[in-house]
Amino acid sequence: MIVALIPWNFFTTAVQTGTGCVVANGNILKKVYFPREIIPISITTSQLVNFLITCLIMFVFILFSGVGFSIHILLLPLIILIQFLLTLAINFILSALTVYAHDIDHFVSVAMTLGFYATPIVYLSSMLPAKFQWAMHANPMAVLVESYRSVLYYHQLPDFFWLGIWGAISLIGVIICYKIFKKLEKTFVEEL
């Protein structure tokens, strides 16, 4: 469970903090000009650093539980990169939209709670009937959590098909959400 919970905590903390990051820094935005995208990027990156530090604790658990490590751990940076890109894309769009609709952070909290149960953290995705397996593939965090489990716990290759799809979606999402952020940032100061 810890192999799934730690990446989930990185995702939820980064998204919940990132959602209101532009609004929270409104006073600075009104006084000094700097590239506004630094705010969601710094929030996401600082949460990534916290995640990497927490991974050391996870590695200790893996080592002392007798599971150990395999060559598959070399795929871990790829999975982390995809999760970072996904989280950054979400933070770009949510931080920009929250400037115009301040209640978004409440919806994000509810969505994160629902997402916890929709992601195989306290259960395995294999426990779901075959006809509902599509739901696991439609949830990017479910694919990422299963990928973490594959390389760290089961010592096997992750599902590269779905990991690749979500990797491509995350990369495209960062580009699109960044462009939306840049378009909306022109009126941030007026709205704040």
C-alpha atoms as a PDB file:
ATOM      1  CA  MET A   1       0.000   0.000   0.000  1.00  0.00           C
ATOM      2  CA  ILE A   2       2.844   2.411   0.744  1.00  0.00           C
ATOM      3  CA  VAL A   3       4.120   2.059  -2.837  1.00  0.00           C
ATOM      4  CA  ALA A   4       0.755   3.442  -4.012  1.00  0.00           C
ATOM      5  CA  LEU A   5       0.065   5.902  -1.209  1.00  0.00           C
ATOM      6  CA  ILE A   6       3.250   7.961  -1.465  1.00  0.00           C
ATOM      7  CA  PRO A   7       2.796   8.809  -5.190  1.00  0.00           C
ATOM      8  CA  TRP A   8      -0.868   9.579  -4.508  1.00  0.00           C
ATOM      9  CA  ASN A   9       0.108  11.975  -1.713  1.00  0.00           C
ATOM     10  CA  PHE A  10       2.520  13.742  -4.073  1.00  0.00           C
ATOM     11  CA  PHE A  11      -0.261  14.166  -6.625  1.00  0.00           C
ATOM     12  CA  THR A  12      -2.958  15.387  -4.235  1.00  0.00           C
ATOM     13  CA  THR A  13      -0.702  17.737  -2.282  1.00  0.00           C
ATOM     14  CA  ALA A  14       0.705  19.266  -5.465  1.00  0.00           C
ATOM     15  CA  VAL A  15      -2.719  19.732  -7.064  1.00  0.00           C
ATOM     16  CA  GLN A  16      -4.411  21.087  -3.940  1.00  0.00           C
ATOM     17  CA  THR A  17      -1.541  23.507  -3.289  1.00  0.00           C
ATOM     18  CA  GLY A  18      -1.209  24.398  -6.959  1.00  0.00           C
ATOM     19  CA  THR A  19      -4.885  25.173  -7.457  1.00  0.00           C
ATOM     20  CA  GLY A  20      -4.798  28.350  -5.395  1.00  0.00           C
ATOM     21  CA  CYS A  21      -1.144  29.262  -5.885  1.00  0.00           C
ATOM     22  CA  VAL A  22      -1.728  32.243  -8.181  1.00  0.00           C
ATOM     23  CA  VAL A  23      -4.452  33.664  -5.934  1.00  0.00           C
ATOM     24  CA  ALA A  24      -2.278  33.100  -2.849  1.00  0.00           C
ATOM     25  CA  ASN A  25       0.521  35.109  -4.475  1.00  0.00           C
ATOM     26  CA  GLY A  26      -1.785  37.884  -5.673  1.00  0.00           C
ATOM     27  CA  ASN A  27      -0.035  40.601  -3.669  1.00  0.00           C
ATOM     28  CA  ILE A  28       3.329  39.781  -5.257  1.00  0.00           C
ATOM     29  CA  LEU A  29       1.775  39.710  -8.733  1.00  0.00           C
ATOM     30  CA  LYS A  30       0.398  43.221  -8.228  1.00  0.00           C
ATOM     31  CA  LYS A  31       3.762  44.670  -7.174  1.00  0.00           C
ATOM     32  CA  VAL A  32       6.436  42.948  -9.252  1.00  0.00           C
ATOM     33  CA  TYR A  33       6.424  41.580 -12.772  1.00  0.00           C
ATOM     34  CA  PHE A  34       7.942  38.148 -13.266  1.00  0.00           C
ATOM     35  CA  PRO A  35       6.939  35.196 -15.418  1.00  0.00           C
ATOM     36  CA  ARG A  36       3.693  34.040 -13.805  1.00  0.00           C
ATOM     37  CA  GLU A  37       4.211  30.419 -14.819  1.00  0.00           C
ATOM     38  CA  ILE A  38       6.995  30.209 -12.249  1.00  0.00           C
ATOM     39  CA  ILE A  39       4.355  29.941  -9.513  1.00  0.00           C
ATOM     40  CA  PRO A  40       2.694  26.636 -10.574  1.00  0.00           C
ATOM     41  CA  ILE A  41       6.023  25.254 -11.774  1.00  0.00           C
ATOM     42  CA  SER A  42       7.666  25.970  -8.396  1.00  0.00           C
ATOM     43  CA  ILE A  43       4.750  24.453  -6.454  1.00  0.00           C
ATOM     44  CA  THR A  44       4.818  21.285  -8.551  1.00  0.00           C
ATOM     45  CA  THR A  45       8.605  21.029  -8.411  1.00  0.00           C
ATOM     46  CA  SER A  46       8.770  21.577  -4.643  1.00  0.00           C
ATOM     47  CA  GLN A  47       6.208  18.811  -4.152  1.00  0.00           C
ATOM     48  CA  LEU A  48       8.296  16.605  -6.453  1.00  0.00           C
ATOM     49  CA  VAL A  49      11.328  17.195  -4.220  1.00  0.00           C
ATOM     50  CA  ASN A  50       9.234  16.271  -1.156  1.00  0.00           C
ATOM     51  CA  PHE A  51       8.085  13.145  -2.990  1.00  0.00           C
ATOM     52  CA  LEU A  52      11.648  12.128  -3.835  1.00  0.00           C
ATOM     53  CA  ILE A  53      12.685  12.554  -0.203  1.00  0.00           C
ATOM     54  CA  THR A  54       9.688  10.480   0.891  1.00  0.00           C
ATOM     55  CA  CYS A  55      10.707   7.839  -1.648  1.00  0.00           C
ATOM     56  CA  LEU A  56      13.778   7.203   0.493  1.00  0.00           C
ATOM     57  CA  ILE A  57      11.442   6.113   3.298  1.00  0.00           C
ATOM     58  CA  MET A  58       9.542   3.938   0.837  1.00  0.00           C
ATOM     59  CA  PHE A  59      12.823   2.351  -0.286  1.00  0.00           C
ATOM     60  CA  VAL A  60      13.654   1.499   3.319  1.00  0.00           C
ATOM     61  CA  PHE A  61      10.269  -0.237   3.682  1.00  0.00           C
ATOM     62  CA  ILE A  62      10.841  -2.133   0.423  1.00  0.00           C
ATOM     63  CA  LEU A  63      14.319  -3.175   1.484  1.00  0.00           C
ATOM     64  CA  PHE A  64      13.435  -4.316   5.008  1.00  0.00           C
ATOM     65  CA  SER A  65      10.181  -6.005   4.000  1.00  0.00           C
ATOM     66  CA  GLY A  66      12.191  -8.520   2.008  1.00  0.00           C
ATOM     67  CA  VAL A  67      10.820  -7.395  -1.364  1.00  0.00           C
ATOM     68  CA  GLY A  68      14.102  -5.839  -2.445  1.00  0.00           C
ATOM     69  CA  PHE A  69      14.870  -4.181  -5.762  1.00  0.00           C
ATOM     70  CA  SER A  70      15.234  -5.396  -9.314  1.00  0.00           C
ATOM     71  CA  ILE A  71      16.481  -4.003 -12.623  1.00  0.00           C
ATOM     72  CA  HIS A  72      12.952  -2.674 -13.199  1.00  0.00           C
ATOM     73  CA  ILE A  73      13.659   0.179 -10.792  1.00  0.00           C
ATOM     74  CA  LEU A  74      15.471   1.844 -13.711  1.00  0.00           C
ATOM     75  CA  LEU A  75      12.002   2.655 -15.108  1.00  0.00           C
ATOM     76  CA  LEU A  76      11.103   4.643 -11.984  1.00  0.00           C
ATOM     77  CA  PRO A  77      12.362   8.015 -13.350  1.00  0.00           C
ATOM     78  CA  LEU A  78      10.108   7.599 -16.407  1.00  0.00           C
ATOM     79  CA  ILE A  79       7.040   7.008 -14.242  1.00  0.00           C
ATOM     80  CA  ILE A  80       7.940   9.958 -12.007  1.00  0.00           C
ATOM     81  CA  LEU A  81       8.406  12.187 -15.071  1.00  0.00           C
ATOM     82  CA  ILE A  82       4.970  11.262 -16.428  1.00  0.00           C
ATOM     83  CA  GLN A  83       3.389  11.968 -13.040  1.00  0.00           C
ATOM     84  CA  PHE A  84       5.217  15.305 -12.822  1.00  0.00           C
ATOM     85  CA  LEU A  85       4.018  16.343 -16.286  1.00  0.00           C
ATOM     86  CA  LEU A  86       0.436  15.304 -15.506  1.00  0.00           C
ATOM     87  CA  THR A  87       0.484  17.239 -12.237  1.00  0.00           C
ATOM     88  CA  LEU A  88       2.057  20.298 -13.854  1.00  0.00           C
ATOM     89  CA  ALA A  89      -0.582  20.353 -16.596  1.00  0.00           C
ATOM     90  CA  ILE A  90      -3.360  20.190 -14.007  1.00  0.00           C
ATOM     91  CA  ASN A  91      -1.705  22.929 -11.933  1.00  0.00           C
ATOM     92  CA  PHE A  92      -1.349  25.240 -14.931  1.00  0.00           C
ATOM     93  CA  ILE A  93      -5.028  25.056 -15.800  1.00  0.00           C
ATOM     94  CA  LEU A  94      -6.454  25.010 -12.269  1.00  0.00           C
ATOM     95  CA  SER A  95      -4.263  27.840 -10.968  1.00  0.00           C
ATOM     96  CA  ALA A  96      -5.310  30.031 -13.891  1.00  0.00           C
ATOM     97  CA  LEU A  97      -9.018  29.210 -13.604  1.00  0.00           C
ATOM     98  CA  THR A  98      -9.041  29.747  -9.833  1.00  0.00           C
ATOM     99  CA  VAL A  99      -8.206  33.420 -10.405  1.00  0.00           C
ATOM    100  CA  TYR A 100     -11.604  33.782 -12.116  1.00  0.00           C
ATOM    101  CA  ALA A 101     -13.609  31.262 -10.056  1.00  0.00           C
ATOM    102  CA  HIS A 102     -12.353  31.151  -6.465  1.00  0.00           C
ATOM    103  CA  ASP A 103     -14.512  28.156  -5.500  1.00  0.00           C
ATOM    104  CA  ILE A 104     -12.599  25.722  -7.709  1.00  0.00           C
ATOM    105  CA  ASP A 105     -10.394  24.690  -4.783  1.00  0.00           C
ATOM    106  CA  HIS A 106     -13.467  23.294  -2.976  1.00  0.00           C
ATOM    107  CA  PHE A 107     -14.336  21.146  -5.990  1.00  0.00           C
ATOM    108  CA  VAL A 108     -10.724  20.000  -6.248  1.00  0.00           C
ATOM    109  CA  SER A 109     -10.804  18.784  -2.622  1.00  0.00           C
ATOM    110  CA  VAL A 110     -13.926  16.743  -3.329  1.00  0.00           C
ATOM    111  CA  ALA A 111     -12.444  15.421  -6.584  1.00  0.00           C
ATOM    112  CA  MET A 112      -9.281  14.336  -4.760  1.00  0.00           C
ATOM    113  CA  THR A 113     -11.325  12.446  -2.173  1.00  0.00           C
ATOM    114  CA  LEU A 114     -13.302  10.689  -4.902  1.00  0.00           C
ATOM    115  CA  GLY A 115     -10.097  10.081  -6.844  1.00  0.00           C
ATOM    116  CA  PHE A 116      -8.572   8.308  -3.865  1.00  0.00           C
ATOM    117  CA  TYR A 117     -11.293   5.661  -4.010  1.00  0.00           C
ATOM    118  CA  ALA A 118     -11.171   5.491  -7.806  1.00  0.00           C
ATOM    119  CA  THR A 119      -7.440   4.774  -7.696  1.00  0.00           C
ATOM    120  CA  PRO A 120      -6.204   1.327  -6.616  1.00  0.00           C
ATOM    121  CA  ILE A 121      -4.383   2.397  -3.479  1.00  0.00           C
ATOM    122  CA  VAL A 122      -6.005   0.317  -0.745  1.00  0.00           C
ATOM    123  CA  TYR A 123      -7.099  -2.355  -3.220  1.00  0.00           C
ATOM    124  CA  LEU A 124      -5.635  -3.957  -6.332  1.00  0.00           C
ATOM    125  CA  SER A 125      -7.016  -3.157  -9.771  1.00  0.00           C
ATOM    126  CA  SER A 126      -7.178  -6.896 -10.452  1.00  0.00           C
ATOM    127  CA  MET A 127      -9.961  -7.101  -7.855  1.00  0.00           C
ATOM    128  CA  LEU A 128     -12.297  -5.287 -10.236  1.00  0.00           C
ATOM    129  CA  PRO A 129     -14.347  -7.367 -12.681  1.00  0.00           C
ATOM    130  CA  ALA A 130     -12.971  -7.468 -16.233  1.00  0.00           C
ATOM    131  CA  LYS A 131     -15.822  -5.319 -17.538  1.00  0.00           C
ATOM    132  CA  PHE A 132     -14.691  -2.430 -15.280  1.00  0.00           C
ATOM    133  CA  GLN A 133     -10.973  -2.597 -16.089  1.00  0.00           C
ATOM    134  CA  TRP A 134     -11.456   0.202 -18.644  1.00  0.00           C
ATOM    135  CA  ALA A 135     -12.142   2.540 -15.698  1.00  0.00           C
ATOM    136  CA  MET A 136      -8.666   1.866 -14.334  1.00  0.00           C
ATOM    137  CA  HIS A 137      -7.105   2.755 -17.682  1.00  0.00           C
ATOM    138  CA  ALA A 138      -9.192   5.945 -17.916  1.00  0.00           C
ATOM    139  CA  ASN A 139      -7.743   7.127 -14.603  1.00  0.00           C
ATOM    140  CA  PRO A 140      -4.151   8.340 -15.133  1.00  0.00           C
ATOM    141  CA  MET A 141      -3.281   7.962 -11.466  1.00  0.00           C
ATOM    142  CA  ALA A 142      -4.493   4.356 -11.505  1.00  0.00           C
ATOM    143  CA  VAL A 143      -2.122   3.634 -14.393  1.00  0.00           C
ATOM    144  CA  LEU A 144       0.730   5.400 -12.592  1.00  0.00           C
ATOM    145  CA  VAL A 145       0.060   3.681  -9.251  1.00  0.00           C
ATOM    146  CA  GLU A 146       0.000   0.284 -10.970  1.00  0.00           C
ATOM    147  CA  SER A 147       3.254   1.202 -12.736  1.00  0.00           C
ATOM    148  CA  TYR A 148       4.904   2.079  -9.413  1.00  0.00           C
ATOM    149  CA  ARG A 149       3.738  -1.255  -8.001  1.00  0.00           C
ATOM    150  CA  SER A 150       5.011  -3.139 -11.039  1.00  0.00           C
ATOM    151  CA  VAL A 151       8.557  -1.800 -10.898  1.00  0.00           C
ATOM    152  CA  LEU A 152       8.958  -1.509  -7.122  1.00  0.00           C
ATOM    153  CA  TYR A 153       6.920  -4.345  -5.671  1.00  0.00           C
ATOM    154  CA  TYR A 154       6.202  -6.971  -8.328  1.00  0.00           C
ATOM    155  CA  HIS A 155       9.554  -6.600 -10.151  1.00  0.00           C
ATOM    156  CA  GLN A 156       7.960  -6.604 -13.569  1.00  0.00           C
ATOM    157  CA  LEU A 157       7.536  -4.250 -16.479  1.00  0.00           C
ATOM    158  CA  PRO A 158       4.660  -1.790 -16.267  1.00  0.00           C
ATOM    159  CA  ASP A 159       1.904  -1.706 -18.871  1.00  0.00           C
ATOM    160  CA  PHE A 160       3.819   0.338 -21.450  1.00  0.00           C
ATOM    161  CA  PHE A 161       0.771   0.784 -23.663  1.00  0.00           C
ATOM    162  CA  TRP A 162      -1.257   2.705 -21.069  1.00  0.00           C
ATOM    163  CA  LEU A 163       1.795   4.330 -19.530  1.00  0.00           C
ATOM    164  CA  GLY A 164       2.765   5.582 -22.997  1.00  0.00           C
ATOM    165  CA  ILE A 165      -0.732   6.875 -23.686  1.00  0.00           C
ATOM    166  CA  TRP A 166      -0.838   8.803 -20.409  1.00  0.00           C
ATOM    167  CA  GLY A 167       2.722   9.991 -20.950  1.00  0.00           C
ATOM    168  CA  ALA A 168       1.761  11.444 -24.344  1.00  0.00           C
ATOM    169  CA  ILE A 169      -1.458  12.945 -22.938  1.00  0.00           C
ATOM    170  CA  SER A 170       0.511  14.493 -20.065  1.00  0.00           C
ATOM    171  CA  LEU A 171       3.087  16.021 -22.404  1.00  0.00           C
ATOM    172  CA  ILE A 172       0.418  17.410 -24.741  1.00  0.00           C
ATOM    173  CA  GLY A 173      -1.565  18.537 -21.688  1.00  0.00           C
ATOM    174  CA  VAL A 174       1.377  20.544 -20.339  1.00  0.00           C
ATOM    175  CA  ILE A 175       1.746  22.345 -23.675  1.00  0.00           C
ATOM    176  CA  ILE A 176      -1.979  23.108 -24.023  1.00  0.00           C
ATOM    177  CA  CYS A 177      -2.489  24.074 -20.376  1.00  0.00           C
ATOM    178  CA  TYR A 178       0.608  26.281 -20.472  1.00  0.00           C
ATOM    179  CA  LYS A 179      -0.772  28.131 -23.496  1.00  0.00           C
ATOM    180  CA  ILE A 180      -4.125  28.600 -21.749  1.00  0.00           C
ATOM    181  CA  PHE A 181      -2.303  29.818 -18.647  1.00  0.00           C
ATOM    182  CA  LYS A 182      -0.316  32.355 -20.714  1.00  0.00           C
ATOM    183  CA  LYS A 183      -3.495  33.596 -22.374  1.00  0.00           C
ATOM    184  CA  LEU A 184      -5.346  34.008 -19.076  1.00  0.00           C
ATOM    185  CA  GLU A 185      -2.419  35.562 -17.192  1.00  0.00           C
ATOM    186  CA  LYS A 186      -2.871  38.850 -19.047  1.00  0.00           C
ATOM    187  CA  THR A 187      -5.797  39.737 -16.784  1.00  0.00           C
ATOM    188  CA  PHE A 188      -4.619  38.113 -13.525  1.00  0.00           C
ATOM    189  CA  VAL A 189      -3.756  41.407 -11.850  1.00  0.00           C
ATOM    190  CA  GLU A 190      -7.130  42.952 -12.763  1.00  0.00           C
ATOM    191  CA  GLU A 191      -9.001  39.943 -11.369  1.00  0.00           C
ATOM    192  CA  LEU A 192      -6.951  39.759  -8.177  1.00  0.00           C
END
